[in-house]
Amino acid sequence: MLALVDCNNFYVSCERVFQPNLNNKPVIVLSNNDGCAVSRSNEAKTLGIKMGQPYFEIKEFCKQHNVTAFSSNYILYADMSNRVMNLLSQFSPRQEIYSIDESFLDLSGIDDITHHAIKIQSTVMQYLGIPVGIGIGKTKVLAKIANYLAKKYKFLNGVCNLDDLGEGRVSKAFSLTDVSEVWGIGRRLARHLKLLGIRTVLDLKNANPSQMRKKFSINIEKIIYELNGIACLDIEEYI
């Protein structure tokens, strides 16, 4: 079983560690030269601020709605990322640092994986003040989708183990999730898939892998196998 641990609104969360008075308030972090919004708190998202939205378009809006805007501090974010990844490494013998705020962990052999994930979540919050979402599945693609569901559905409290949900609830969730949310399916490919009637994650899971390979590539064949619990993508460890 694999887990994908993803820091929530990472740049904003890093800023809040040092200014906890901003918790539960709308906050955004801007790109280089304060060009556009590259990280948004949930409160800022609720206000309608879009990812990548130019700051000059929303500057007055931010003033009106008391949105705090930070210039990006990549030295801080890199340092916090290193702290998070080092802490996560204590919970698994195999780790792949996928991005500045995401890490795959191999949880094979752990008896109560969901409890272990909850412990990861609480430990990162306790020691670093960074909230994380955790998705758990048999493959990388499933772990990624589970992570998406962990953030989308509040009743999961940020931890989604697909095995706990059961086949019926997983199929229902997949049927309600756009195919573009699948790891490795970009916007352009998603448009092509929808022309073929493949609109949801469940549609793609049920597609014929060999036929899809002929139409597109071996990558989409691997994605379909991964959605069906057949691992094609291994943890890539960095030493």
C-alpha atoms as a PDB file:
ATOM      1  CA  MET A   1       0.000   0.000   0.000  1.00  0.00           C
ATOM      2  CA  LEU A   2       1.183   3.479  -0.869  1.00  0.00           C
ATOM      3  CA  ALA A   3       0.366   6.831   0.675  1.00  0.00           C
ATOM      4  CA  LEU A   4       0.580  10.221  -0.990  1.00  0.00           C
ATOM      5  CA  VAL A   5       1.129  12.903   1.645  1.00  0.00           C
ATOM      6  CA  ASP A   6       0.381  16.393   0.356  1.00  0.00           C
ATOM      7  CA  CYS A   7       0.794  19.626   2.332  1.00  0.00           C
ATOM      8  CA  ASN A   8      -2.375  21.711   2.201  1.00  0.00           C
ATOM      9  CA  ASN A   9      -1.982  25.132   0.557  1.00  0.00           C
ATOM     10  CA  PHE A  10       1.708  24.763   1.313  1.00  0.00           C
ATOM     11  CA  TYR A  11       3.069  28.286   0.832  1.00  0.00           C
ATOM     12  CA  VAL A  12       0.169  29.778   2.774  1.00  0.00           C
ATOM     13  CA  SER A  13       0.592  27.162   5.499  1.00  0.00           C
ATOM     14  CA  CYS A  14       4.295  28.043   5.813  1.00  0.00           C
ATOM     15  CA  GLU A  15       3.442  31.714   6.308  1.00  0.00           C
ATOM     16  CA  ARG A  16       0.794  30.848   8.887  1.00  0.00           C
ATOM     17  CA  VAL A  17       3.314  28.899  10.971  1.00  0.00           C
ATOM     18  CA  PHE A  18       4.969  32.223  11.769  1.00  0.00           C
ATOM     19  CA  GLN A  19       1.753  34.241  11.859  1.00  0.00           C
ATOM     20  CA  PRO A  20      -0.859  31.938  13.447  1.00  0.00           C
ATOM     21  CA  ASN A  21      -3.229  34.893  13.808  1.00  0.00           C
ATOM     22  CA  LEU A  22      -3.907  34.361  10.079  1.00  0.00           C
ATOM     23  CA  ASN A  23      -5.414  30.908  10.633  1.00  0.00           C
ATOM     24  CA  ASN A  24      -8.999  30.747   9.358  1.00  0.00           C
ATOM     25  CA  LYS A  25      -8.534  34.011   7.464  1.00  0.00           C
ATOM     26  CA  PRO A  26      -8.139  34.560   3.703  1.00  0.00           C
ATOM     27  CA  VAL A  27      -4.470  34.478   2.703  1.00  0.00           C
ATOM     28  CA  ILE A  28      -2.680  34.264  -0.643  1.00  0.00           C
ATOM     29  CA  VAL A  29       0.962  33.980  -1.659  1.00  0.00           C
ATOM     30  CA  LEU A  30       2.095  35.703  -4.839  1.00  0.00           C
ATOM     31  CA  SER A  31       4.607  34.613  -7.471  1.00  0.00           C
ATOM     32  CA  ASN A  32       7.874  36.384  -8.258  1.00  0.00           C
ATOM     33  CA  ASN A  33       7.455  40.161  -8.433  1.00  0.00           C
ATOM     34  CA  ASP A  34       3.972  39.713  -6.949  1.00  0.00           C
ATOM     35  CA  GLY A  35       2.649  38.699 -10.351  1.00  0.00           C
ATOM     36  CA  CYS A  36      -0.140  36.254  -9.548  1.00  0.00           C
ATOM     37  CA  ALA A  37      -1.623  34.044  -6.823  1.00  0.00           C
ATOM     38  CA  VAL A  38       0.299  30.773  -6.514  1.00  0.00           C
ATOM     39  CA  SER A  39      -1.086  29.594  -3.166  1.00  0.00           C
ATOM     40  CA  ARG A  40      -4.471  30.271  -1.577  1.00  0.00           C
ATOM     41  CA  SER A  41      -5.980  29.460   1.765  1.00  0.00           C
ATOM     42  CA  ASN A  42      -9.346  27.720   1.717  1.00  0.00           C
ATOM     43  CA  GLU A  43     -10.917  30.996   2.816  1.00  0.00           C
ATOM     44  CA  ALA A  44      -9.381  32.792  -0.177  1.00  0.00           C
ATOM     45  CA  LYS A  45     -10.636  30.058  -2.483  1.00  0.00           C
ATOM     46  CA  THR A  46     -14.134  30.479  -1.051  1.00  0.00           C
ATOM     47  CA  LEU A  47     -13.966  34.166  -1.918  1.00  0.00           C
ATOM     48  CA  GLY A  48     -13.420  33.154  -5.537  1.00  0.00           C
ATOM     49  CA  ILE A  49      -9.717  33.932  -5.945  1.00  0.00           C
ATOM     50  CA  LYS A  50      -8.366  31.667  -8.679  1.00  0.00           C
ATOM     51  CA  MET A  51      -5.025  29.911  -8.915  1.00  0.00           C
ATOM     52  CA  GLY A  52      -2.722  31.956 -11.117  1.00  0.00           C
ATOM     53  CA  GLN A  53      -4.984  35.005 -11.074  1.00  0.00           C
ATOM     54  CA  PRO A  54      -2.968  38.206 -11.667  1.00  0.00           C
ATOM     55  CA  TYR A  55      -2.645  40.248  -8.507  1.00  0.00           C
ATOM     56  CA  PHE A  56      -3.386  43.559 -10.226  1.00  0.00           C
ATOM     57  CA  GLU A  57      -6.843  42.183 -11.040  1.00  0.00           C
ATOM     58  CA  ILE A  58      -7.675  41.354  -7.432  1.00  0.00           C
ATOM     59  CA  LYS A  59      -5.657  43.877  -5.429  1.00  0.00           C
ATOM     60  CA  GLU A  60      -8.670  46.066  -4.608  1.00  0.00           C
ATOM     61  CA  PHE A  61     -10.824  42.995  -4.018  1.00  0.00           C
ATOM     62  CA  CYS A  62      -8.250  41.738  -1.495  1.00  0.00           C
ATOM     63  CA  LYS A  63      -8.353  45.058   0.355  1.00  0.00           C
ATOM     64  CA  GLN A  64     -12.141  44.995   0.479  1.00  0.00           C
ATOM     65  CA  HIS A  65     -12.231  41.445   1.863  1.00  0.00           C
ATOM     66  CA  ASN A  66      -9.217  41.707   4.183  1.00  0.00           C
ATOM     67  CA  VAL A  67      -7.188  39.177   2.225  1.00  0.00           C
ATOM     68  CA  THR A  68      -3.568  39.081   3.365  1.00  0.00           C
ATOM     69  CA  ALA A  69      -1.146  38.811   0.433  1.00  0.00           C
ATOM     70  CA  PHE A  70       2.446  37.650   0.880  1.00  0.00           C
ATOM     71  CA  SER A  71       5.328  37.985  -1.536  1.00  0.00           C
ATOM     72  CA  SER A  72       6.814  34.539  -2.147  1.00  0.00           C
ATOM     73  CA  ASN A  73       9.637  33.429   0.151  1.00  0.00           C
ATOM     74  CA  TYR A  74      11.082  30.369  -1.536  1.00  0.00           C
ATOM     75  CA  ILE A  75      13.969  30.041   0.931  1.00  0.00           C
ATOM     76  CA  LEU A  76      11.436  29.620   3.725  1.00  0.00           C
ATOM     77  CA  TYR A  77       9.312  27.178   1.712  1.00  0.00           C
ATOM     78  CA  ALA A  78      12.343  25.038   0.801  1.00  0.00           C
ATOM     79  CA  ASP A  79      13.424  24.897   4.437  1.00  0.00           C
ATOM     80  CA  MET A  80       9.943  23.918   5.612  1.00  0.00           C
ATOM     81  CA  SER A  81       9.737  21.315   2.842  1.00  0.00           C
ATOM     82  CA  ASN A  82      12.988  19.714   3.996  1.00  0.00           C
ATOM     83  CA  ARG A  83      11.638  19.566   7.540  1.00  0.00           C
ATOM     84  CA  VAL A  84       8.399  17.963   6.409  1.00  0.00           C
ATOM     85  CA  MET A  85      10.133  15.380   4.208  1.00  0.00           C
ATOM     86  CA  ASN A  86      12.641  14.459   6.904  1.00  0.00           C
ATOM     87  CA  LEU A  87       9.813  13.940   9.367  1.00  0.00           C
ATOM     88  CA  LEU A  88       7.827  11.836   6.900  1.00  0.00           C
ATOM     89  CA  SER A  89      10.852   9.606   6.281  1.00  0.00           C
ATOM     90  CA  GLN A  90      10.510   8.343   9.853  1.00  0.00           C
ATOM     91  CA  PHE A  91       7.179   6.747   9.017  1.00  0.00           C
ATOM     92  CA  SER A  92       8.260   4.603   6.064  1.00  0.00           C
ATOM     93  CA  PRO A  93      11.356   2.690   4.941  1.00  0.00           C
ATOM     94  CA  ARG A  94      10.780   3.868   1.372  1.00  0.00           C
ATOM     95  CA  GLN A  95       9.974   7.429   0.367  1.00  0.00           C
ATOM     96  CA  GLU A  96       9.740   9.316  -2.893  1.00  0.00           C
ATOM     97  CA  ILE A  97       9.822  13.097  -2.645  1.00  0.00           C
ATOM     98  CA  TYR A  98       7.580  13.953  -5.566  1.00  0.00           C
ATOM     99  CA  SER A  99       7.516  17.740  -5.224  1.00  0.00           C
ATOM    100  CA  ILE A 100       8.176  20.497  -2.700  1.00  0.00           C
ATOM    101  CA  ASP A 101       4.963  19.604  -0.870  1.00  0.00           C
ATOM    102  CA  GLU A 102       4.230  15.987  -1.845  1.00  0.00           C
ATOM    103  CA  SER A 103       5.767  12.671  -0.902  1.00  0.00           C
ATOM    104  CA  PHE A 104       4.928   9.044  -1.608  1.00  0.00           C
ATOM    105  CA  LEU A 105       5.424   6.627   1.291  1.00  0.00           C
ATOM    106  CA  ASP A 106       5.476   2.844   1.107  1.00  0.00           C
ATOM    107  CA  LEU A 107       3.244   1.593   3.935  1.00  0.00           C
ATOM    108  CA  SER A 108       3.481  -2.101   3.066  1.00  0.00           C
ATOM    109  CA  GLY A 109       3.520  -4.374   6.107  1.00  0.00           C
ATOM    110  CA  ILE A 110       1.851  -1.881   8.460  1.00  0.00           C
ATOM    111  CA  ASP A 111      -1.102  -3.459  10.271  1.00  0.00           C
ATOM    112  CA  ASP A 112      -3.436  -0.487  10.720  1.00  0.00           C
ATOM    113  CA  ILE A 113      -2.552   1.779   7.820  1.00  0.00           C
ATOM    114  CA  THR A 114      -5.308   4.310   8.446  1.00  0.00           C
ATOM    115  CA  HIS A 115      -4.248   4.752  12.078  1.00  0.00           C
ATOM    116  CA  HIS A 116      -0.655   5.108  10.914  1.00  0.00           C
ATOM    117  CA  ALA A 117      -1.705   7.806   8.439  1.00  0.00           C
ATOM    118  CA  ILE A 118      -3.628   9.697  11.108  1.00  0.00           C
ATOM    119  CA  LYS A 119      -0.509   9.589  13.268  1.00  0.00           C
ATOM    120  CA  ILE A 120       1.542  11.009  10.364  1.00  0.00           C
ATOM    121  CA  GLN A 121      -0.985  13.797   9.933  1.00  0.00           C
ATOM    122  CA  SER A 122      -1.058  14.721  13.626  1.00  0.00           C
ATOM    123  CA  THR A 123       2.731  14.501  14.015  1.00  0.00           C
ATOM    124  CA  VAL A 124       3.449  16.843  11.105  1.00  0.00           C
ATOM    125  CA  MET A 125       0.901  19.279  12.499  1.00  0.00           C
ATOM    126  CA  GLN A 126       2.259  19.019  16.035  1.00  0.00           C
ATOM    127  CA  TYR A 127       5.930  19.479  15.209  1.00  0.00           C
ATOM    128  CA  LEU A 128       5.781  21.713  12.133  1.00  0.00           C
ATOM    129  CA  GLY A 129       2.330  23.278  12.104  1.00  0.00           C
ATOM    130  CA  ILE A 130       1.703  22.168   8.508  1.00  0.00           C
ATOM    131  CA  PRO A 131      -1.673  20.533   7.709  1.00  0.00           C
ATOM    132  CA  VAL A 132      -1.455  17.576   5.332  1.00  0.00           C
ATOM    133  CA  GLY A 133      -3.871  15.429   3.380  1.00  0.00           C
ATOM    134  CA  ILE A 134      -3.131  11.734   2.929  1.00  0.00           C
ATOM    135  CA  GLY A 135      -4.419   9.397   0.237  1.00  0.00           C
ATOM    136  CA  ILE A 136      -3.856   5.656   0.473  1.00  0.00           C
ATOM    137  CA  GLY A 137      -4.178   3.087  -2.288  1.00  0.00           C
ATOM    138  CA  LYS A 138      -2.564   0.038  -3.818  1.00  0.00           C
ATOM    139  CA  THR A 139      -0.840   2.069  -6.528  1.00  0.00           C
ATOM    140  CA  LYS A 140       0.518   5.578  -7.053  1.00  0.00           C
ATOM    141  CA  VAL A 141      -2.422   6.623  -9.227  1.00  0.00           C
ATOM    142  CA  LEU A 142      -4.906   5.339  -6.650  1.00  0.00           C
ATOM    143  CA  ALA A 143      -3.025   7.070  -3.827  1.00  0.00           C
ATOM    144  CA  LYS A 144      -3.182  10.325  -5.805  1.00  0.00           C
ATOM    145  CA  ILE A 145      -6.923   9.998  -6.358  1.00  0.00           C
ATOM    146  CA  ALA A 146      -7.406   9.087  -2.693  1.00  0.00           C
ATOM    147  CA  ASN A 147      -5.521  12.249  -1.735  1.00  0.00           C
ATOM    148  CA  TYR A 148      -7.892  14.289  -3.903  1.00  0.00           C
ATOM    149  CA  LEU A 149     -10.877  12.663  -2.194  1.00  0.00           C
ATOM    150  CA  ALA A 150      -9.340  13.259   1.248  1.00  0.00           C
ATOM    151  CA  LYS A 151      -9.407  16.995   0.557  1.00  0.00           C
ATOM    152  CA  LYS A 152     -12.752  17.069  -1.256  1.00  0.00           C
ATOM    153  CA  TYR A 153     -14.855  15.230   1.332  1.00  0.00           C
ATOM    154  CA  LYS A 154     -14.709  16.784   4.791  1.00  0.00           C
ATOM    155  CA  PHE A 155     -16.013  13.694   6.589  1.00  0.00           C
ATOM    156  CA  LEU A 156     -12.699  11.973   5.792  1.00  0.00           C
ATOM    157  CA  ASN A 157     -10.811  14.515   7.917  1.00  0.00           C
ATOM    158  CA  GLY A 158      -7.951  14.678   5.452  1.00  0.00           C
ATOM    159  CA  VAL A 159      -7.186  10.934   5.346  1.00  0.00           C
ATOM    160  CA  CYS A 160      -8.641   8.650   2.684  1.00  0.00           C
ATOM    161  CA  ASN A 161      -7.824   4.940   2.596  1.00  0.00           C
ATOM    162  CA  LEU A 162      -9.630   3.488  -0.416  1.00  0.00           C
ATOM    163  CA  ASP A 163      -9.688   0.047   1.208  1.00  0.00           C
ATOM    164  CA  ASP A 164     -11.655   1.493   4.130  1.00  0.00           C
ATOM    165  CA  LEU A 165     -14.259   3.028   1.825  1.00  0.00           C
ATOM    166  CA  GLY A 166     -15.093  -0.254   0.162  1.00  0.00           C
ATOM    167  CA  GLU A 167     -15.618  -1.020  -3.507  1.00  0.00           C
ATOM    168  CA  GLY A 168     -19.116   0.448  -3.752  1.00  0.00           C
ATOM    169  CA  ARG A 169     -18.266   3.820  -2.235  1.00  0.00           C
ATOM    170  CA  VAL A 170     -15.039   4.025  -4.226  1.00  0.00           C
ATOM    171  CA  SER A 171     -16.926   3.400  -7.471  1.00  0.00           C
ATOM    172  CA  LYS A 172     -19.456   6.067  -6.519  1.00  0.00           C
ATOM    173  CA  ALA A 173     -16.701   8.576  -5.740  1.00  0.00           C
ATOM    174  CA  PHE A 174     -14.911   7.735  -8.989  1.00  0.00           C
ATOM    175  CA  SER A 175     -18.146   8.221 -10.935  1.00  0.00           C
ATOM    176  CA  LEU A 176     -18.448  11.737  -9.498  1.00  0.00           C
ATOM    177  CA  THR A 177     -14.823  12.721 -10.162  1.00  0.00           C
ATOM    178  CA  ASP A 178     -13.788  14.278 -13.464  1.00  0.00           C
ATOM    179  CA  VAL A 179     -11.261  12.284 -15.469  1.00  0.00           C
ATOM    180  CA  SER A 180      -8.948  15.305 -15.505  1.00  0.00           C
ATOM    181  CA  GLU A 181      -8.279  14.690 -11.802  1.00  0.00           C
ATOM    182  CA  VAL A 182      -6.395  11.477 -12.615  1.00  0.00           C
ATOM    183  CA  TRP A 183      -2.635  11.777 -12.208  1.00  0.00           C
ATOM    184  CA  GLY A 184      -1.068  11.914 -15.673  1.00  0.00           C
ATOM    185  CA  ILE A 185      -4.219  13.041 -17.487  1.00  0.00           C
ATOM    186  CA  GLY A 186      -3.697  16.621 -18.611  1.00  0.00           C
ATOM    187  CA  ARG A 187      -6.358  18.988 -19.898  1.00  0.00           C
ATOM    188  CA  ARG A 188      -5.701  18.215 -23.550  1.00  0.00           C
ATOM    189  CA  LEU A 189      -5.861  14.462 -23.049  1.00  0.00           C
ATOM    190  CA  ALA A 190      -8.960  14.844 -20.889  1.00  0.00           C
ATOM    191  CA  ARG A 191     -10.704  16.636 -23.759  1.00  0.00           C
ATOM    192  CA  HIS A 192      -9.863  13.781 -26.141  1.00  0.00           C
ATOM    193  CA  LEU A 193     -11.078  11.210 -23.616  1.00  0.00           C
ATOM    194  CA  LYS A 194     -14.375  13.012 -23.147  1.00  0.00           C
ATOM    195  CA  LEU A 195     -14.962  12.898 -26.896  1.00  0.00           C
ATOM    196  CA  LEU A 196     -14.812   9.117 -26.514  1.00  0.00           C
ATOM    197  CA  GLY A 197     -17.331   9.193 -23.657  1.00  0.00           C
ATOM    198  CA  ILE A 198     -14.702   8.791 -20.946  1.00  0.00           C
ATOM    199  CA  ARG A 199     -15.708  11.618 -18.634  1.00  0.00           C
ATOM    200  CA  THR A 200     -15.056  10.313 -15.126  1.00  0.00           C
ATOM    201  CA  VAL A 201     -12.407   8.390 -13.231  1.00  0.00           C
ATOM    202  CA  LEU A 202     -14.716   5.371 -13.240  1.00  0.00           C
ATOM    203  CA  ASP A 203     -15.086   5.564 -17.025  1.00  0.00           C
ATOM    204  CA  LEU A 204     -11.309   5.488 -17.411  1.00  0.00           C
ATOM    205  CA  LYS A 205     -10.927   2.662 -14.890  1.00  0.00           C
ATOM    206  CA  ASN A 206     -13.370   0.557 -16.930  1.00  0.00           C
ATOM    207  CA  ALA A 207     -11.737   1.366 -20.291  1.00  0.00           C
ATOM    208  CA  ASN A 208      -9.870  -1.322 -22.239  1.00  0.00           C
ATOM    209  CA  PRO A 209      -6.160  -0.708 -21.536  1.00  0.00           C
ATOM    210  CA  SER A 210      -4.799  -2.231 -24.753  1.00  0.00           C
ATOM    211  CA  GLN A 211      -7.258  -0.311 -26.940  1.00  0.00           C
ATOM    212  CA  MET A 212      -6.449   2.928 -25.133  1.00  0.00           C
ATOM    213  CA  ARG A 213      -2.765   2.292 -25.666  1.00  0.00           C
ATOM    214  CA  LYS A 214      -3.342   2.036 -29.411  1.00  0.00           C
ATOM    215  CA  LYS A 215      -5.320   5.281 -29.442  1.00  0.00           C
ATOM    216  CA  PHE A 216      -2.975   7.237 -27.180  1.00  0.00           C
ATOM    217  CA  SER A 217       0.159   5.804 -25.536  1.00  0.00           C
ATOM    218  CA  ILE A 218       1.572   3.235 -23.154  1.00  0.00           C
ATOM    219  CA  ASN A 219       1.276   5.812 -20.372  1.00  0.00           C
ATOM    220  CA  ILE A 220      -2.504   5.780 -20.397  1.00  0.00           C
ATOM    221  CA  GLU A 221      -2.438   1.972 -20.445  1.00  0.00           C
ATOM    222  CA  LYS A 222      -0.361   2.059 -17.252  1.00  0.00           C
ATOM    223  CA  ILE A 223      -2.748   4.571 -15.688  1.00  0.00           C
ATOM    224  CA  ILE A 224      -5.722   2.286 -16.337  1.00  0.00           C
ATOM    225  CA  TYR A 225      -3.906  -0.691 -14.833  1.00  0.00           C
ATOM    226  CA  GLU A 226      -2.988   1.432 -11.817  1.00  0.00           C
ATOM    227  CA  LEU A 227      -6.625   2.499 -11.392  1.00  0.00           C
ATOM    228  CA  ASN A 228      -7.462  -1.204 -11.230  1.00  0.00           C
ATOM    229  CA  GLY A 229      -4.898  -1.854  -8.512  1.00  0.00           C
ATOM    230  CA  ILE A 230      -2.130  -3.234 -10.740  1.00  0.00           C
ATOM    231  CA  ALA A 231       1.087  -1.410  -9.921  1.00  0.00           C
ATOM    232  CA  CYS A 232       3.081  -0.163 -12.903  1.00  0.00           C
ATOM    233  CA  LEU A 233       4.837   2.794 -11.261  1.00  0.00           C
ATOM    234  CA  ASP A 234       7.293   2.068  -8.459  1.00  0.00           C
ATOM    235  CA  ILE A 235       8.550   4.283  -5.671  1.00  0.00           C
ATOM    236  CA  GLU A 236      11.586   6.229  -6.858  1.00  0.00           C
ATOM    237  CA  GLU A 237      13.880   6.616  -3.891  1.00  0.00           C
ATOM    238  CA  TYR A 238      16.423   9.406  -3.617  1.00  0.00           C
ATOM    239  CA  ILE A 239      19.611   8.773  -1.662  1.00  0.00           C
END
